[in-house]
Every structure is written in structure tokens, then in C-alpha cells.
C-alpha atoms as a PDB file:
ATOM      1  CA  MET A   1      90.518  91.579 112.412  1.00  0.00           C
ATOM      2  CA  SER A   2      88.264  88.647 111.512  1.00  0.00           C
ATOM      3  CA  THR A   3      84.770  89.489 110.357  1.00  0.00           C
ATOM      4  CA  LEU A   4      83.573  86.062 111.460  1.00  0.00           C
ATOM      5  CA  PRO A   5      81.645  85.920 114.741  1.00  0.00           C
ATOM      6  CA  PRO A   6      83.399  84.432 117.778  1.00  0.00           C
ATOM      7  CA  PRO A   7      82.803  80.664 117.821  1.00  0.00           C
ATOM      8  CA  ARG A   8      80.284  79.273 120.294  1.00  0.00           C
ATOM      9  CA  LEU A   9      81.390  76.345 122.469  1.00  0.00           C
ATOM     10  CA  VAL A  10      78.920  74.133 124.334  1.00  0.00           C
ATOM     11  CA  VAL A  11      80.435  71.763 126.912  1.00  0.00           C
ATOM     12  CA  THR A  12      78.587  68.900 128.610  1.00  0.00           C
ATOM     13  CA  ALA A  13      79.236  67.236 131.982  1.00  0.00           C
ATOM     14  CA  HIS A  14      77.543  65.133 134.679  1.00  0.00           C
ATOM     15  CA  THR A  15      75.856  65.885 137.967  1.00  0.00           C
ATOM     16  CA  GLU A  16      76.835  64.017 141.163  1.00  0.00           C
ATOM     17  CA  ASP A  17      74.219  61.329 140.355  1.00  0.00           C
ATOM     18  CA  GLY A  18      75.427  60.891 136.749  1.00  0.00           C
ATOM     19  CA  THR A  19      72.758  62.914 134.953  1.00  0.00           C
ATOM     20  CA  SER A  20      73.963  64.641 131.799  1.00  0.00           C
ATOM     21  CA  VAL A  21      73.994  68.457 131.929  1.00  0.00           C
ATOM     22  CA  PHE A  22      75.314  71.413 130.003  1.00  0.00           C
ATOM     23  CA  GLN A  23      78.366  72.687 131.854  1.00  0.00           C
ATOM     24  CA  SER A  24      78.876  75.828 129.792  1.00  0.00           C
ATOM     25  CA  ASP A  25      77.689  77.655 126.692  1.00  0.00           C
ATOM     26  CA  THR A  26      79.995  80.510 125.730  1.00  0.00           C
ATOM     27  CA  GLU A  27      81.434  82.467 122.866  1.00  0.00           C
ATOM     28  CA  VAL A  28      85.187  81.859 122.749  1.00  0.00           C
ATOM     29  CA  GLN A  29      86.961  85.141 122.125  1.00  0.00           C
ATOM     30  CA  PRO A  30      89.778  84.837 119.578  1.00  0.00           C
ATOM     31  CA  PHE A  31      93.420  85.431 120.472  1.00  0.00           C
ATOM     32  CA  PHE A  32      95.399  87.619 118.017  1.00  0.00           C
ATOM     33  CA  PRO A  33      99.088  86.877 118.722  1.00  0.00           C
ATOM     34  CA  PHE A  34     100.210  88.431 115.407  1.00  0.00           C
ATOM     35  CA  GLY A  35      98.179  91.631 115.697  1.00  0.00           C
ATOM     36  CA  PRO A  36      94.602  92.491 114.727  1.00  0.00           C
ATOM     37  CA  ASN A  37      95.185  91.832 111.008  1.00  0.00           C
ATOM     38  CA  GLY A  38      96.844  88.423 111.474  1.00  0.00           C
ATOM     39  CA  SER A  39      95.446  84.964 111.996  1.00  0.00           C
ATOM     40  CA  SER A  40      93.629  84.349 115.260  1.00  0.00           C
ATOM     41  CA  PHE A  41      93.013  81.337 117.455  1.00  0.00           C
ATOM     42  CA  SER A  42      90.134  80.229 119.652  1.00  0.00           C
ATOM     43  CA  ASN A  43      91.408  77.498 121.963  1.00  0.00           C
ATOM     44  CA  PHE A  44      88.465  75.282 122.872  1.00  0.00           C
ATOM     45  CA  TYR A  45      89.873  72.355 124.743  1.00  0.00           C
ATOM     46  CA  HIS A  46      93.251  71.010 125.790  1.00  0.00           C
ATOM     47  CA  SER A  47      94.283  67.872 127.636  1.00  0.00           C
ATOM     48  CA  PRO A  48      97.851  67.077 128.695  1.00  0.00           C
ATOM     49  CA  GLN A  49      97.265  63.375 128.175  1.00  0.00           C
ATOM     50  CA  VAL A  50      95.222  60.752 126.359  1.00  0.00           C
ATOM     51  CA  PRO A  51      92.921  59.268 127.432  1.00  0.00           C
ATOM     52  CA  VAL A  52      91.365  62.564 128.481  1.00  0.00           C
ATOM     53  CA  SER A  53      89.407  63.129 131.679  1.00  0.00           C
ATOM     54  CA  ASN A  54      85.642  63.542 131.376  1.00  0.00           C
ATOM     55  CA  THR A  55      85.400  64.824 134.947  1.00  0.00           C
ATOM     56  CA  SER A  56      87.966  67.620 135.209  1.00  0.00           C
ATOM     57  CA  PHE A  57      87.845  70.939 133.389  1.00  0.00           C
ATOM     58  CA  PRO A  58      90.906  71.748 131.240  1.00  0.00           C
ATOM     59  CA  PRO A  59      93.085  74.820 131.860  1.00  0.00           C
ATOM     60  CA  ASN A  60      92.181  78.144 130.283  1.00  0.00           C
ATOM     61  CA  LEU A  61      94.530  78.632 127.319  1.00  0.00           C
ATOM     62  CA  SER A  62      92.620  81.464 125.677  1.00  0.00           C
ATOM     63  CA  ASN A  63      95.690  83.681 125.173  1.00  0.00           C
ATOM     64  CA  GLN A  64      98.249  81.103 124.060  1.00  0.00           C
ATOM     65  CA  LEU A  65      99.367  79.795 120.702  1.00  0.00           C
ATOM     66  CA  PRO A  66      97.758  76.397 120.194  1.00  0.00           C
ATOM     67  CA  ARG A  67     100.361  73.740 120.910  1.00  0.00           C
ATOM     68  CA  CYS A  68      99.585  70.094 121.368  1.00  0.00           C
ATOM     69  CA  PRO A  69     101.036  68.749 124.623  1.00  0.00           C
ATOM     70  CA  PRO A  70     103.633  65.951 124.144  1.00  0.00           C
ATOM     71  CA  ALA A  71     101.146  63.235 125.187  1.00  0.00           C
ATOM     72  CA  GLY A  72      97.849  65.041 124.774  1.00  0.00           C
ATOM     73  CA  VAL A  73      95.305  66.630 122.482  1.00  0.00           C
ATOM     74  CA  SER A  74      94.106  70.144 121.590  1.00  0.00           C
ATOM     75  CA  PHE A  75      90.931  71.407 119.925  1.00  0.00           C
ATOM     76  CA  VAL A  76      91.152  74.860 118.311  1.00  0.00           C
ATOM     77  CA  VAL A  77      89.690  77.069 115.596  1.00  0.00           C
ATOM     78  CA  SER A  78      91.844  79.424 113.562  1.00  0.00           C
ATOM     79  CA  ASP A  79      90.556  82.363 111.535  1.00  0.00           C
ATOM     80  CA  TYR A  80      92.560  83.702 108.570  1.00  0.00           C
ATOM     81  CA  PRO A  81      91.627  87.168 107.254  1.00  0.00           C
ATOM     82  CA  PRO A  82      91.911  87.861 103.510  1.00  0.00           C
ATOM     83  CA  GLY A  83      95.527  88.066 102.369  1.00  0.00           C
ATOM     84  CA  VAL A  84      97.052  86.509 105.497  1.00  0.00           C
ATOM     85  CA  LYS A  85     100.066  84.212 105.135  1.00  0.00           C
ATOM     86  CA  VAL A  86     101.262  82.190 108.122  1.00  0.00           C
ATOM     87  CA  PRO A  87     105.016  81.448 108.201  1.00  0.00           C
ATOM     88  CA  THR A  88     106.252  77.906 107.627  1.00  0.00           C
ATOM     89  CA  HIS A  89     106.211  75.754 110.771  1.00  0.00           C
ATOM     90  CA  ARG A  90     106.038  72.130 111.945  1.00  0.00           C
ATOM     91  CA  THR A  91     104.206  70.681 114.945  1.00  0.00           C
ATOM     92  CA  LEU A  92     104.899  67.376 116.664  1.00  0.00           C
ATOM     93  CA  SER A  93     101.307  66.305 116.249  1.00  0.00           C
ATOM     94  CA  GLN A  94      98.929  64.709 113.826  1.00  0.00           C
ATOM     95  CA  ASP A  95      96.371  67.369 112.956  1.00  0.00           C
ATOM     96  CA  TYR A  96      92.838  66.648 111.792  1.00  0.00           C
ATOM     97  CA  ALA A  97      91.355  69.736 110.167  1.00  0.00           C
ATOM     98  CA  VAL A  98      88.219  70.852 108.377  1.00  0.00           C
ATOM     99  CA  VAL A  99      87.689  74.142 106.595  1.00  0.00           C
ATOM    100  CA  ILE A 100      84.433  75.475 108.018  1.00  0.00           C
ATOM    101  CA  PHE A 101      84.184  78.729 106.061  1.00  0.00           C
ATOM    102  CA  GLY A 102      86.061  80.092 103.040  1.00  0.00           C
ATOM    103  CA  GLU A 103      89.149  78.490 101.589  1.00  0.00           C
ATOM    104  CA  ILE A 104      92.836  78.229 102.513  1.00  0.00           C
ATOM    105  CA  VAL A 105      95.995  77.304 100.624  1.00  0.00           C
ATOM    106  CA  LEU A 106      98.170  74.708 102.363  1.00  0.00           C
ATOM    107  CA  SER A 107     101.797  74.943 101.193  1.00  0.00           C
ATOM    108  CA  LEU A 108     104.477  72.353 101.959  1.00  0.00           C
ATOM    109  CA  ASP A 109     108.213  73.016 102.203  1.00  0.00           C
ATOM    110  CA  GLY A 110     108.782  70.910  99.064  1.00  0.00           C
ATOM    111  CA  GLY A 111     106.895  73.523  97.018  1.00  0.00           C
ATOM    112  CA  GLU A 112     103.560  71.717  96.626  1.00  0.00           C
ATOM    113  CA  GLN A 113     100.286  73.540  97.351  1.00  0.00           C
ATOM    114  CA  LYS A 114      96.639  72.563  97.651  1.00  0.00           C
ATOM    115  CA  THR A 115      93.565  74.755  98.048  1.00  0.00           C
ATOM    116  CA  ILE A 116      91.139  73.379 100.635  1.00  0.00           C
ATOM    117  CA  ARG A 117      87.592  74.725 100.612  1.00  0.00           C
ATOM    118  CA  ALA A 118      84.687  74.791 103.061  1.00  0.00           C
ATOM    119  CA  GLY A 119      83.568  71.261 103.863  1.00  0.00           C
ATOM    120  CA  GLU A 120      86.912  69.692 102.897  1.00  0.00           C
ATOM    121  CA  PHE A 121      89.295  67.906 105.265  1.00  0.00           C
ATOM    122  CA  ILE A 122      93.017  67.620 105.996  1.00  0.00           C
ATOM    123  CA  VAL A 123      95.099  65.057 107.876  1.00  0.00           C
ATOM    124  CA  GLN A 124      98.455  66.693 108.489  1.00  0.00           C
ATOM    125  CA  ARG A 125     101.193  64.396 109.732  1.00  0.00           C
ATOM    126  CA  GLY A 126     104.001  66.477 111.236  1.00  0.00           C
ATOM    127  CA  VAL A 127     104.981  68.228 107.997  1.00  0.00           C
ATOM    128  CA  ASN A 128     106.644  71.626 107.573  1.00  0.00           C
ATOM    129  CA  HIS A 129     103.815  73.781 106.191  1.00  0.00           C
ATOM    130  CA  SER A 130     102.295  77.234 105.875  1.00  0.00           C
ATOM    131  CA  TRP A 131      98.773  78.590 105.406  1.00  0.00           C
ATOM    132  CA  SER A 132      97.633  81.461 103.216  1.00  0.00           C
ATOM    133  CA  ASN A 133      94.246  82.962 102.534  1.00  0.00           C
ATOM    134  CA  GLN A 134      94.462  84.179  98.949  1.00  0.00           C
ATOM    135  CA  THR A 135      90.825  85.276  98.754  1.00  0.00           C
ATOM    136  CA  GLN A 136      88.879  88.412  99.654  1.00  0.00           C
ATOM    137  CA  SER A 137      86.855  86.529 102.319  1.00  0.00           C
ATOM    138  CA  PRO A 138      87.827  85.274 105.762  1.00  0.00           C
ATOM    139  CA  CYS A 139      88.536  81.588 106.329  1.00  0.00           C
ATOM    140  CA  ARG A 140      87.875  79.479 109.450  1.00  0.00           C
ATOM    141  CA  VAL A 141      89.588  76.134 110.009  1.00  0.00           C
ATOM    142  CA  MET A 142      88.924  73.728 112.889  1.00  0.00           C
ATOM    143  CA  PHE A 143      91.827  71.606 114.175  1.00  0.00           C
ATOM    144  CA  VAL A 144      92.074  68.635 116.503  1.00  0.00           C
ATOM    145  CA  MET A 145      95.772  68.147 117.235  1.00  0.00           C
ATOM    146  CA  VAL A 146      96.864  64.811 118.703  1.00  0.00           C
ATOM    147  CA  ALA A 147     100.355  64.192 120.063  1.00  0.00           C
ATOM    148  CA  ALA A 148     102.438  62.142 117.649  1.00  0.00           C
ATOM    149  CA  GLU A 149     105.768  60.416 117.553  1.00  0.00           C
ATOM    150  CA  GLN A 150     108.598  62.441 116.058  1.00  0.00           C
ATOM    151  CA  VAL A 151     109.163  61.774 112.353  1.00  0.00           C
ATOM    152  CA  VAL A 152     112.538  60.024 112.012  1.00  0.00           C
ATOM    153  CA  LEU A 153     114.109  59.848 108.561  1.00  0.00           C
ATOM    154  CA  GLY A 154     115.808  56.772 107.148  1.00  0.00           C
ATOM    155  CA  ASN A 155     119.195  58.227 108.131  1.00  0.00           C
ATOM    156  CA  GLY A 156     118.118  58.490 111.775  1.00  0.00           C
ATOM    157  CA  VAL A 157     117.622  62.276 111.803  1.00  0.00           C
ATOM    158  CA  GLY A 158     114.505  63.340 113.719  1.00  0.00           C
ATOM    159  CA  LEU A 159     112.422  66.230 112.393  1.00  0.00           C
ATOM    160  CA  GLU A 160     112.071  68.868 115.103  1.00  0.00           C
ATOM    161  CA  GLU A 161     109.142  71.143 115.806  1.00  0.00           C
ATOM    162  CA  THR A 162     109.454  74.625 114.331  1.00  0.00           C
ATOM    163  CA  ILE A 163     107.414  77.287 116.044  1.00  0.00           C
ATOM    164  CA  ILE A 164     105.959  80.293 114.247  1.00  0.00           C
ATOM    165  CA  GLY A 165     108.348  83.162 114.791  1.00  0.00           C
ATOM    166  CA  LYS A 166     111.110  80.899 116.176  1.00  0.00           C
ATOM    167  CA  ARG A 167     113.445  78.324 114.654  1.00  0.00           C
END
């Protein structure tokens, strides 16, 4: 179980006359699909398409694995307890990430690894990857996932999405 506090999400909107207001201010409770000692997700925002609507409220995806819709965008935070390793997977998205707290090791299927620390950034472009927290402290990473075209190799083979726990 993460020792980090649930993330706070503040959402703005408009009144009928166009005045800016705060629509909500809540703590987003994490979702633990891999059990209480695994990584967790706090799904903040999800739109099935881009451009997104600034007038409708997105669906509640609090208890779902974060998946970017085929033509949309998702905004999520993931917490990684000490010692957690996430299996290798690929998403059909371009992911913009920042490590907010702690550090995480990003491993690619070609064997390369990089340690990314708090305040550092990642642009992940549809690669097969895994995450591991090799420290004694929790790690929090923020992701904005944007739908992307499928990666097609020079021989015409398209790289498919691989979902954690499924192939």
C-alpha cells in the first residue's frame, strides 16, 4: 500500500454566464488492480477524443486500468511502492510523464534502463517497457497519455498494444 497521500484534483468550469468557477476539489482515491502491495493508479481525467470538451464532465474511471482511448487523452498518476516491478507492456499512445516523488527505473525490451528521479521527465513513444522501484521509498509518476498512430516497422509489421497481465 502506498504511503503517499491520495492526490488532490482541482477542476475548473464556467457558470451559465461564462464566469470561471471551481467545479470540484477532491482527493482521488487510488485504484489497486494488482493488490495492496502493487502499483496503484489515480485516474484524473479521460476524454474519448481530441479536441476535448471544456463543457462536459468526463466519465468516472476510478477503478479501471488507465488506457488511452484510440482518439483521446488520459491524465493519471501512478504510485509505485518500494520493490515493485511492473510487467513489460506497450500502449498505443505517446506518454508524457514526470516523476513527482522518488525515483523509478524505466526498462526497455532491448535491455536498456534509465533511472528517472523526482523533477525529471519522460516522453515515451509506444515502446515495450516496464517500471521498477528499486528504492526503499515510494515513487509517484504523473502521466498524460495521448492517442498515437501505431508504430509500423520498415517491413510493414505494426507493433500491437500489450496489456499488463495479457498478451
